Amino acid sequence: MRLGYANNLAWPALVLRLVFPDVESPRQFLVQNGKQKRAVESLFGLLEEFWQEWQSDGGLRRIYVKYQEWLRQQDWYGPSSPDWIPVKGSSPDTLT
């Protein structure tokens, strides 16, 4: 959600894109420039942040709700999406 795109990437690729946002090929940049320490520190920071939110009251539900809201804002997400979840009491046509 932070990137605003790339929900189809595996988490290692997402972390590298967050850590090195202005680099065309983060994985290649990581290896060529010796930035492994920065990437690992950032990974642990992101995991800690996730853990704190998950452990808070209603945290896991809040995470899922934020993700669902993010999905609904994407122009590619709609009733024809395989994981589409309609909102109770709403027409699918109004949710795209």
C-alpha atoms as a PDB file:
ATOM      1  CA  MET A   1       0.000   0.000   0.000  1.00  0.00           C
ATOM      2  CA  ARG A   2       2.878   2.358   0.752  1.00  0.00           C
ATOM      3  CA  LEU A   3       4.206   2.102  -2.760  1.00  0.00           C
ATOM      4  CA  GLY A   4       0.786   2.655  -4.281  1.00  0.00           C
ATOM      5  CA  TYR A   5       1.480  -0.117  -6.777  1.00  0.00           C
ATOM      6  CA  ALA A   6       3.134  -3.520  -7.081  1.00  0.00           C
ATOM      7  CA  ASN A   7       0.787  -5.554  -4.916  1.00  0.00           C
ATOM      8  CA  ASN A   8       1.738  -8.498  -7.127  1.00  0.00           C
ATOM      9  CA  LEU A   9       5.390  -8.458  -5.991  1.00  0.00           C
ATOM     10  CA  ALA A  10       6.777 -10.749  -3.309  1.00  0.00           C
ATOM     11  CA  TRP A  11       7.666  -9.044  -0.041  1.00  0.00           C
ATOM     12  CA  PRO A  12      11.468  -9.012  -0.673  1.00  0.00           C
ATOM     13  CA  ALA A  13      10.885  -7.009  -3.861  1.00  0.00           C
ATOM     14  CA  LEU A  14       8.453  -4.687  -2.074  1.00  0.00           C
ATOM     15  CA  VAL A  15      10.974  -4.000   0.703  1.00  0.00           C
ATOM     16  CA  LEU A  16      13.726  -3.231  -1.803  1.00  0.00           C
ATOM     17  CA  ARG A  17      11.433  -0.825  -3.671  1.00  0.00           C
ATOM     18  CA  LEU A  18      10.630   0.929  -0.384  1.00  0.00           C
ATOM     19  CA  VAL A  19      14.300   1.135   0.623  1.00  0.00           C
ATOM     20  CA  PHE A  20      15.574   2.235  -2.795  1.00  0.00           C
ATOM     21  CA  PRO A  21      12.586   4.075  -4.332  1.00  0.00           C
ATOM     22  CA  ASP A  22      14.511   5.993  -6.995  1.00  0.00           C
ATOM     23  CA  VAL A  23      16.419   3.022  -8.395  1.00  0.00           C
ATOM     24  CA  GLU A  24      15.215   1.225 -11.527  1.00  0.00           C
ATOM     25  CA  SER A  25      16.523  -2.183 -10.420  1.00  0.00           C
ATOM     26  CA  PRO A  26      16.690  -2.276  -6.596  1.00  0.00           C
ATOM     27  CA  ARG A  27      18.000  -5.852  -6.405  1.00  0.00           C
ATOM     28  CA  GLN A  28      20.857  -5.111  -8.785  1.00  0.00           C
ATOM     29  CA  PHE A  29      21.596  -1.832  -6.965  1.00  0.00           C
ATOM     30  CA  LEU A  30      21.674  -3.687  -3.656  1.00  0.00           C
ATOM     31  CA  VAL A  31      24.333  -6.140  -4.863  1.00  0.00           C
ATOM     32  CA  GLN A  32      26.456  -3.695  -6.852  1.00  0.00           C
ATOM     33  CA  ASN A  33      26.596  -0.997  -4.196  1.00  0.00           C
ATOM     34  CA  GLY A  34      26.917  -3.054  -1.027  1.00  0.00           C
ATOM     35  CA  LYS A  35      23.713  -1.747   0.503  1.00  0.00           C
ATOM     36  CA  GLN A  36      22.734  -5.020   2.177  1.00  0.00           C
ATOM     37  CA  LYS A  37      23.065  -3.576   5.683  1.00  0.00           C
ATOM     38  CA  ARG A  38      20.679  -0.727   4.868  1.00  0.00           C
ATOM     39  CA  ALA A  39      18.187  -3.172   3.325  1.00  0.00           C
ATOM     40  CA  VAL A  40      18.302  -5.543   6.302  1.00  0.00           C
ATOM     41  CA  GLU A  41      17.920  -2.718   8.823  1.00  0.00           C
ATOM     42  CA  SER A  42      14.971  -1.357   6.862  1.00  0.00           C
ATOM     43  CA  LEU A  43      13.399  -4.816   6.664  1.00  0.00           C
ATOM     44  CA  PHE A  44      13.581  -5.235  10.417  1.00  0.00           C
ATOM     45  CA  GLY A  45      12.153  -1.747  10.924  1.00  0.00           C
ATOM     46  CA  LEU A  46       9.207  -2.541   8.651  1.00  0.00           C
ATOM     47  CA  LEU A  47       8.623  -5.865  10.396  1.00  0.00           C
ATOM     48  CA  GLU A  48       8.688  -4.159  13.792  1.00  0.00           C
ATOM     49  CA  GLU A  49       6.207  -1.534  12.592  1.00  0.00           C
ATOM     50  CA  PHE A  50       3.900  -4.248  11.233  1.00  0.00           C
ATOM     51  CA  TRP A  51       4.193  -6.249  14.450  1.00  0.00           C
ATOM     52  CA  GLN A  52       3.297  -3.203  16.569  1.00  0.00           C
ATOM     53  CA  GLU A  53       0.209  -2.469  14.484  1.00  0.00           C
ATOM     54  CA  TRP A  54      -0.804  -6.126  14.394  1.00  0.00           C
ATOM     55  CA  GLN A  55      -0.512  -6.400  18.196  1.00  0.00           C
ATOM     56  CA  SER A  56      -2.557  -3.262  18.891  1.00  0.00           C
ATOM     57  CA  ASP A  57      -6.284  -3.474  19.683  1.00  0.00           C
ATOM     58  CA  GLY A  58      -8.055  -4.470  16.475  1.00  0.00           C
ATOM     59  CA  GLY A  59      -4.739  -4.290  14.642  1.00  0.00           C
ATOM     60  CA  LEU A  60      -5.134  -7.216  12.281  1.00  0.00           C
ATOM     61  CA  ARG A  61      -8.648  -6.161  11.323  1.00  0.00           C
ATOM     62  CA  ARG A  62      -7.423  -2.605  10.757  1.00  0.00           C
ATOM     63  CA  ILE A  63      -4.653  -3.911   8.473  1.00  0.00           C
ATOM     64  CA  TYR A  64      -7.173  -5.859   6.384  1.00  0.00           C
ATOM     65  CA  VAL A  65      -9.576  -2.920   6.205  1.00  0.00           C
ATOM     66  CA  LYS A  66      -6.798  -0.558   5.058  1.00  0.00           C
ATOM     67  CA  TYR A  67      -5.786  -3.044   2.373  1.00  0.00           C
ATOM     68  CA  GLN A  68      -9.380  -3.465   1.180  1.00  0.00           C
ATOM     69  CA  GLU A  69      -9.775   0.331   1.001  1.00  0.00           C
ATOM     70  CA  TRP A  70      -6.528   0.577  -0.963  1.00  0.00           C
ATOM     71  CA  LEU A  71      -7.698  -2.132  -3.370  1.00  0.00           C
ATOM     72  CA  ARG A  72     -10.954  -0.320  -4.030  1.00  0.00           C
ATOM     73  CA  GLN A  73      -9.013   2.791  -5.066  1.00  0.00           C
ATOM     74  CA  GLN A  74      -7.112   0.905  -7.771  1.00  0.00           C
ATOM     75  CA  ASP A  75      -8.477   1.317 -11.293  1.00  0.00           C
ATOM     76  CA  TRP A  76      -7.774  -2.363 -12.076  1.00  0.00           C
ATOM     77  CA  TYR A  77      -9.788  -3.677  -9.113  1.00  0.00           C
ATOM     78  CA  GLY A  78     -13.489  -4.295  -9.631  1.00  0.00           C
ATOM     79  CA  PRO A  79     -16.287  -6.861  -9.704  1.00  0.00           C
ATOM     80  CA  SER A  80     -14.427  -8.907 -12.324  1.00  0.00           C
ATOM     81  CA  SER A  81     -11.373  -9.274 -10.038  1.00  0.00           C
ATOM     82  CA  PRO A  82     -10.975 -12.840  -8.727  1.00  0.00           C
ATOM     83  CA  ASP A  83     -10.748 -11.658  -5.102  1.00  0.00           C
ATOM     84  CA  TRP A  84     -13.532  -9.044  -5.344  1.00  0.00           C
ATOM     85  CA  ILE A  85     -15.471  -8.638  -2.108  1.00  0.00           C
ATOM     86  CA  PRO A  86     -18.720  -6.695  -2.458  1.00  0.00           C
ATOM     87  CA  VAL A  87     -19.733  -4.334   0.321  1.00  0.00           C
ATOM     88  CA  LYS A  88     -22.938  -5.501   2.006  1.00  0.00           C
ATOM     89  CA  GLY A  89     -25.915  -3.439   0.901  1.00  0.00           C
ATOM     90  CA  SER A  90     -24.104  -1.861  -2.061  1.00  0.00           C
ATOM     91  CA  SER A  91     -24.358  -2.496  -5.749  1.00  0.00           C
ATOM     92  CA  PRO A  92     -21.101  -3.756  -7.307  1.00  0.00           C
ATOM     93  CA  ASP A  93     -21.527  -1.110 -10.014  1.00  0.00           C
ATOM     94  CA  THR A  94     -21.143   1.695  -7.453  1.00  0.00           C
ATOM     95  CA  LEU A  95     -17.942   0.279  -5.986  1.00  0.00           C
ATOM     96  CA  THR A  96     -15.657   0.381  -9.019  1.00  0.00           C
END
